[in-house]
C-alpha atoms as a PDB file:
ATOM      1  CA  MET A   1      11.750 -17.790  -6.906  1.00  0.00           C
ATOM      2  CA  LEU A   2       9.084 -17.452  -4.180  1.00  0.00           C
ATOM      3  CA  LEU A   3       7.650 -20.927  -4.757  1.00  0.00           C
ATOM      4  CA  PRO A   4       9.447 -22.470  -1.732  1.00  0.00           C
ATOM      5  CA  PHE A   5       7.960 -19.765   0.504  1.00  0.00           C
ATOM      6  CA  PHE A   6       4.444 -20.427  -0.818  1.00  0.00           C
ATOM      7  CA  GLU A   7       4.940 -24.180  -0.373  1.00  0.00           C
ATOM      8  CA  TRP A   8       6.167 -23.627   3.184  1.00  0.00           C
ATOM      9  CA  CYS A   9       3.083 -21.502   3.967  1.00  0.00           C
ATOM     10  CA  ASP A  10       0.811 -24.124   2.448  1.00  0.00           C
ATOM     11  CA  GLY A  11       2.392 -26.848   4.594  1.00  0.00           C
ATOM     12  CA  LEU A  12       2.056 -25.053   7.938  1.00  0.00           C
ATOM     13  CA  ALA A  13       0.015 -26.822  10.614  1.00  0.00           C
ATOM     14  CA  MET A  14      -2.079 -23.661  10.931  1.00  0.00           C
ATOM     15  CA  SER A  15      -2.902 -23.798   7.215  1.00  0.00           C
ATOM     16  CA  GLN A  16      -4.012 -27.408   7.474  1.00  0.00           C
ATOM     17  CA  ALA A  17      -6.097 -26.644  10.577  1.00  0.00           C
ATOM     18  CA  TYR A  18      -7.883 -23.862   8.685  1.00  0.00           C
ATOM     19  CA  ARG A  19      -8.517 -26.148   5.718  1.00  0.00           C
ATOM     20  CA  ASP A  20      -9.840 -28.930   7.978  1.00  0.00           C
ATOM     21  CA  SER A  21     -12.117 -26.704  10.057  1.00  0.00           C
ATOM     22  CA  THR A  22     -15.658 -25.940   8.976  1.00  0.00           C
ATOM     23  CA  TYR A  23     -15.846 -22.637  10.838  1.00  0.00           C
ATOM     24  CA  LEU A  24     -12.321 -21.299  11.375  1.00  0.00           C
ATOM     25  CA  PHE A  25     -11.689 -19.942   7.880  1.00  0.00           C
ATOM     26  CA  PRO A  26     -15.138 -18.309   7.417  1.00  0.00           C
ATOM     27  CA  LEU A  27     -14.923 -16.743  10.875  1.00  0.00           C
ATOM     28  CA  THR A  28     -11.461 -15.354  10.148  1.00  0.00           C
ATOM     29  CA  GLN A  29     -12.620 -14.115   6.770  1.00  0.00           C
ATOM     30  CA  ALA A  30     -15.611 -12.342   8.324  1.00  0.00           C
ATOM     31  CA  LEU A  31     -13.339 -10.670  10.882  1.00  0.00           C
ATOM     32  CA  HIS A  32     -10.953  -9.708   8.076  1.00  0.00           C
ATOM     33  CA  VAL A  33     -13.741  -8.070   6.087  1.00  0.00           C
ATOM     34  CA  LEU A  34     -14.908  -6.220   9.214  1.00  0.00           C
ATOM     35  CA  ALA A  35     -11.358  -4.990   9.927  1.00  0.00           C
ATOM     36  CA  VAL A  36     -10.884  -3.902   6.298  1.00  0.00           C
ATOM     37  CA  THR A  37     -14.199  -2.033   6.471  1.00  0.00           C
ATOM     38  CA  VAL A  38     -13.179  -0.163   9.618  1.00  0.00           C
ATOM     39  CA  PHE A  39      -9.712   0.587   8.226  1.00  0.00           C
ATOM     40  CA  VAL A  40     -10.925   1.816   4.848  1.00  0.00           C
ATOM     41  CA  GLY A  41     -13.789   3.703   6.512  1.00  0.00           C
ATOM     42  CA  ALA A  42     -11.299   5.696   8.582  1.00  0.00           C
ATOM     43  CA  ILE A  43      -9.259   6.381   5.443  1.00  0.00           C
ATOM     44  CA  VAL A  44     -12.358   7.487   3.495  1.00  0.00           C
ATOM     45  CA  ILE A  45     -13.439   9.966   6.166  1.00  0.00           C
ATOM     46  CA  GLY A  46     -10.012  11.574   6.042  1.00  0.00           C
ATOM     47  CA  ASP A  47      -9.944  11.518   2.257  1.00  0.00           C
ATOM     48  CA  LEU A  48     -13.373  13.124   2.036  1.00  0.00           C
ATOM     49  CA  ARG A  49     -12.091  15.885   4.303  1.00  0.00           C
ATOM     50  CA  LEU A  50      -9.063  16.326   2.026  1.00  0.00           C
ATOM     51  CA  LEU A  51     -11.470  16.652  -0.874  1.00  0.00           C
ATOM     52  CA  GLY A  52     -13.330  19.393   1.004  1.00  0.00           C
ATOM     53  CA  TRP A  53     -16.327  17.204   1.821  1.00  0.00           C
ATOM     54  CA  GLY A  54     -17.219  15.229   4.892  1.00  0.00           C
ATOM     55  CA  PRO A  55     -16.795  16.744   8.362  1.00  0.00           C
ATOM     56  CA  VAL A  56     -15.718  20.241   7.275  1.00  0.00           C
ATOM     57  CA  GLY A  57     -16.296  21.553  10.799  1.00  0.00           C
ATOM     58  CA  GLN A  58     -13.146  19.735  11.902  1.00  0.00           C
ATOM     59  CA  SER A  59      -9.634  20.390  10.696  1.00  0.00           C
ATOM     60  CA  ARG A  60      -7.895  17.871   8.479  1.00  0.00           C
ATOM     61  CA  ALA A  61      -5.224  17.403  11.152  1.00  0.00           C
ATOM     62  CA  SER A  62      -7.798  16.726  13.853  1.00  0.00           C
ATOM     63  CA  ILE A  63      -9.478  14.067  11.741  1.00  0.00           C
ATOM     64  CA  ALA A  64      -6.129  12.501  10.787  1.00  0.00           C
ATOM     65  CA  ARG A  65      -4.984  12.315  14.398  1.00  0.00           C
ATOM     66  CA  SER A  66      -8.342  10.933  15.559  1.00  0.00           C
ATOM     67  CA  ALA A  67      -8.247   8.256  12.879  1.00  0.00           C
ATOM     68  CA  GLN A  68      -4.663   7.273  13.670  1.00  0.00           C
ATOM     69  CA  ARG A  69      -5.552   4.896  16.532  1.00  0.00           C
ATOM     70  CA  ILE A  70      -8.403   3.344  14.528  1.00  0.00           C
ATOM     71  CA  LEU A  71      -6.068   2.822  11.570  1.00  0.00           C
ATOM     72  CA  LEU A  72      -3.445   1.224  13.785  1.00  0.00           C
ATOM     73  CA  TRP A  73      -5.807  -1.239  15.453  1.00  0.00           C
ATOM     74  CA  ALA A  74      -7.830  -2.026  12.349  1.00  0.00           C
ATOM     75  CA  GLY A  75      -4.620  -2.422  10.334  1.00  0.00           C
ATOM     76  CA  LEU A  76      -3.281  -4.849  12.914  1.00  0.00           C
ATOM     77  CA  ALA A  77      -6.555  -6.806  12.763  1.00  0.00           C
ATOM     78  CA  VAL A  78      -6.353  -6.885   8.947  1.00  0.00           C
ATOM     79  CA  LEU A  79      -2.829  -8.280   9.171  1.00  0.00           C
ATOM     80  CA  VAL A  80      -3.631 -10.845  11.876  1.00  0.00           C
ATOM     81  CA  THR A  81      -6.706 -12.132  10.021  1.00  0.00           C
ATOM     82  CA  GLY A  82      -5.097 -11.884   6.574  1.00  0.00           C
ATOM     83  CA  ILE A  83      -2.099 -14.089   7.367  1.00  0.00           C
ATOM     84  CA  PRO A  84      -4.095 -17.299   7.954  1.00  0.00           C
ATOM     85  CA  GLN A  85      -6.200 -16.594   4.876  1.00  0.00           C
ATOM     86  CA  PHE A  86      -3.023 -16.248   2.839  1.00  0.00           C
ATOM     87  CA  THR A  87      -1.274 -19.335   4.235  1.00  0.00           C
ATOM     88  CA  THR A  88      -4.383 -21.481   3.813  1.00  0.00           C
ATOM     89  CA  ASN A  89      -4.551 -20.628   0.105  1.00  0.00           C
ATOM     90  CA  ALA A  90      -0.865 -19.954  -0.570  1.00  0.00           C
ATOM     91  CA  MET A  91      -0.542 -22.200  -3.610  1.00  0.00           C
ATOM     92  CA  THR A  92      -3.654 -20.691  -5.201  1.00  0.00           C
ATOM     93  CA  TYR A  93      -2.371 -17.167  -4.546  1.00  0.00           C
ATOM     94  CA  GLN A  94       1.038 -18.110  -5.936  1.00  0.00           C
ATOM     95  CA  ARG A  95      -0.589 -18.515  -9.354  1.00  0.00           C
ATOM     96  CA  SER A  96      -2.869 -15.475  -9.086  1.00  0.00           C
ATOM     97  CA  TRP A  97      -1.867 -12.380 -11.031  1.00  0.00           C
ATOM     98  CA  LEU A  98      -4.565 -10.475  -9.122  1.00  0.00           C
ATOM     99  CA  PHE A  99      -3.007 -11.407  -5.787  1.00  0.00           C
ATOM    100  CA  VAL A 100       0.403 -10.201  -6.985  1.00  0.00           C
ATOM    101  CA  PHE A 101      -1.181  -7.005  -8.326  1.00  0.00           C
ATOM    102  CA  LYS A 102      -2.994  -6.419  -5.020  1.00  0.00           C
ATOM    103  CA  MET A 103       0.182  -6.911  -2.980  1.00  0.00           C
ATOM    104  CA  TYR A 104       2.174  -4.463  -5.120  1.00  0.00           C
ATOM    105  CA  LEU A 105      -0.685  -1.972  -5.073  1.00  0.00           C
ATOM    106  CA  LEU A 106      -1.022  -2.391  -1.300  1.00  0.00           C
ATOM    107  CA  ALA A 107       2.688  -1.661  -0.822  1.00  0.00           C
ATOM    108  CA  VAL A 108       2.460   1.505  -2.945  1.00  0.00           C
ATOM    109  CA  THR A 109      -0.752   2.571  -1.206  1.00  0.00           C
ATOM    110  CA  LEU A 110       0.634   2.064   2.293  1.00  0.00           C
ATOM    111  CA  LEU A 111       3.763   4.017   1.384  1.00  0.00           C
ATOM    112  CA  PHE A 112       1.667   6.842  -0.095  1.00  0.00           C
ATOM    113  CA  THR A 113      -0.649   6.864   2.937  1.00  0.00           C
ATOM    114  CA  ALA A 114       2.174   6.901   5.486  1.00  0.00           C
ATOM    115  CA  THR A 115       4.119   9.646   3.730  1.00  0.00           C
ATOM    116  CA  VAL A 116       2.345  11.979   1.306  1.00  0.00           C
ATOM    117  CA  ARG A 117      -1.209  11.613   2.593  1.00  0.00           C
ATOM    118  CA  TRP A 118      -0.188  11.888   6.249  1.00  0.00           C
ATOM    119  CA  ARG A 119       1.883  15.041   5.678  1.00  0.00           C
ATOM    120  CA  VAL A 120      -0.887  16.709   3.725  1.00  0.00           C
ATOM    121  CA  ALA A 121      -3.539  15.661   6.247  1.00  0.00           C
ATOM    122  CA  ILE A 122      -1.686  17.128   9.236  1.00  0.00           C
ATOM    123  CA  ALA A 123      -0.560  20.310   7.473  1.00  0.00           C
ATOM    124  CA  GLU A 124      -1.996  23.556   8.804  1.00  0.00           C
ATOM    125  CA  GLU A 125      -5.167  24.681   7.083  1.00  0.00           C
ATOM    126  CA  GLY A 126      -4.326  27.087   4.260  1.00  0.00           C
ATOM    127  CA  ARG A 127      -0.658  26.076   4.128  1.00  0.00           C
ATOM    128  CA  LEU A 128      -1.151  24.045   0.972  1.00  0.00           C
ATOM    129  CA  PRO A 129      -3.161  24.998  -2.111  1.00  0.00           C
ATOM    130  CA  SER A 130      -6.591  23.382  -2.095  1.00  0.00           C
ATOM    131  CA  TRP A 131      -5.845  21.579  -5.364  1.00  0.00           C
ATOM    132  CA  VAL A 132      -2.987  19.728  -3.619  1.00  0.00           C
ATOM    133  CA  THR A 133      -5.157  18.495  -0.753  1.00  0.00           C
ATOM    134  CA  ARG A 134      -7.928  17.535  -3.161  1.00  0.00           C
ATOM    135  CA  ALA A 135      -5.496  15.688  -5.451  1.00  0.00           C
ATOM    136  CA  VAL A 136      -3.997  13.773  -2.525  1.00  0.00           C
ATOM    137  CA  GLY A 137      -7.478  12.843  -1.285  1.00  0.00           C
ATOM    138  CA  ALA A 138      -8.521  11.666  -4.751  1.00  0.00           C
ATOM    139  CA  VAL A 139      -5.337   9.641  -5.262  1.00  0.00           C
ATOM    140  CA  SER A 140      -5.701   8.067  -1.828  1.00  0.00           C
ATOM    141  CA  LEU A 141      -9.319   7.114  -2.488  1.00  0.00           C
ATOM    142  CA  ALA A 142      -8.411   5.630  -5.865  1.00  0.00           C
ATOM    143  CA  LEU A 143      -5.510   3.631  -4.426  1.00  0.00           C
ATOM    144  CA  TRP A 144      -7.510   2.204  -1.516  1.00  0.00           C
ATOM    145  CA  MET A 145     -10.434   1.396  -3.832  1.00  0.00           C
ATOM    146  CA  GLY A 146      -7.973  -0.433  -6.088  1.00  0.00           C
ATOM    147  CA  VAL A 147      -6.603  -2.477  -3.176  1.00  0.00           C
ATOM    148  CA  THR A 148     -10.078  -3.334  -1.908  1.00  0.00           C
ATOM    149  CA  ILE A 149     -11.563  -4.183  -5.298  1.00  0.00           C
ATOM    150  CA  SER A 150      -8.588  -6.262  -6.418  1.00  0.00           C
ATOM    151  CA  GLY A 151      -8.736  -8.149  -3.106  1.00  0.00           C
ATOM    152  CA  ARG A 152     -12.372  -9.024  -3.650  1.00  0.00           C
ATOM    153  CA  LEU A 153     -11.809  -9.990  -7.283  1.00  0.00           C
ATOM    154  CA  ILE A 154      -9.178 -12.586  -6.311  1.00  0.00           C
ATOM    155  CA  THR A 155     -11.990 -14.856  -5.149  1.00  0.00           C
ATOM    156  CA  TYR A 156     -13.676 -14.729  -8.545  1.00  0.00           C
ATOM    157  CA  TYR A 157     -10.881 -14.241 -11.078  1.00  0.00           C
ATOM    158  CA  GLY A 158      -7.650 -14.937  -9.193  1.00  0.00           C
END
């Protein structure tokens, strides 16, 4: 069903340019890894605060709002650097169960992060039971670890 889309991506001039270049793909991949690191790092700091660890001298809401701009810019960088990586290897990813798993998990994780996690993170201190904030932090950490690990495993097992 999606095969024509993957074939179209594979045939893009940009995809061919990345395949033909010695440095373009590795440079983009390095920038992608850097952007993922910054993005997930901002998530982890917030999640550690939800778990009651990390910068406990700051409120959860303060940390969430401070991380918002970092998440936006790093997320944009992840997207911009991820697209050429995807199109360059579209036919390989089309056959990869790990890639499909990662994309579904990413969709669930982004939805969870933008809704449940955000609302809990910006809630007034003491408004929610501590077990709720800790559970949300743990679930968020597990989801983002799953996305990151499955993304790395695609290279080896995908």
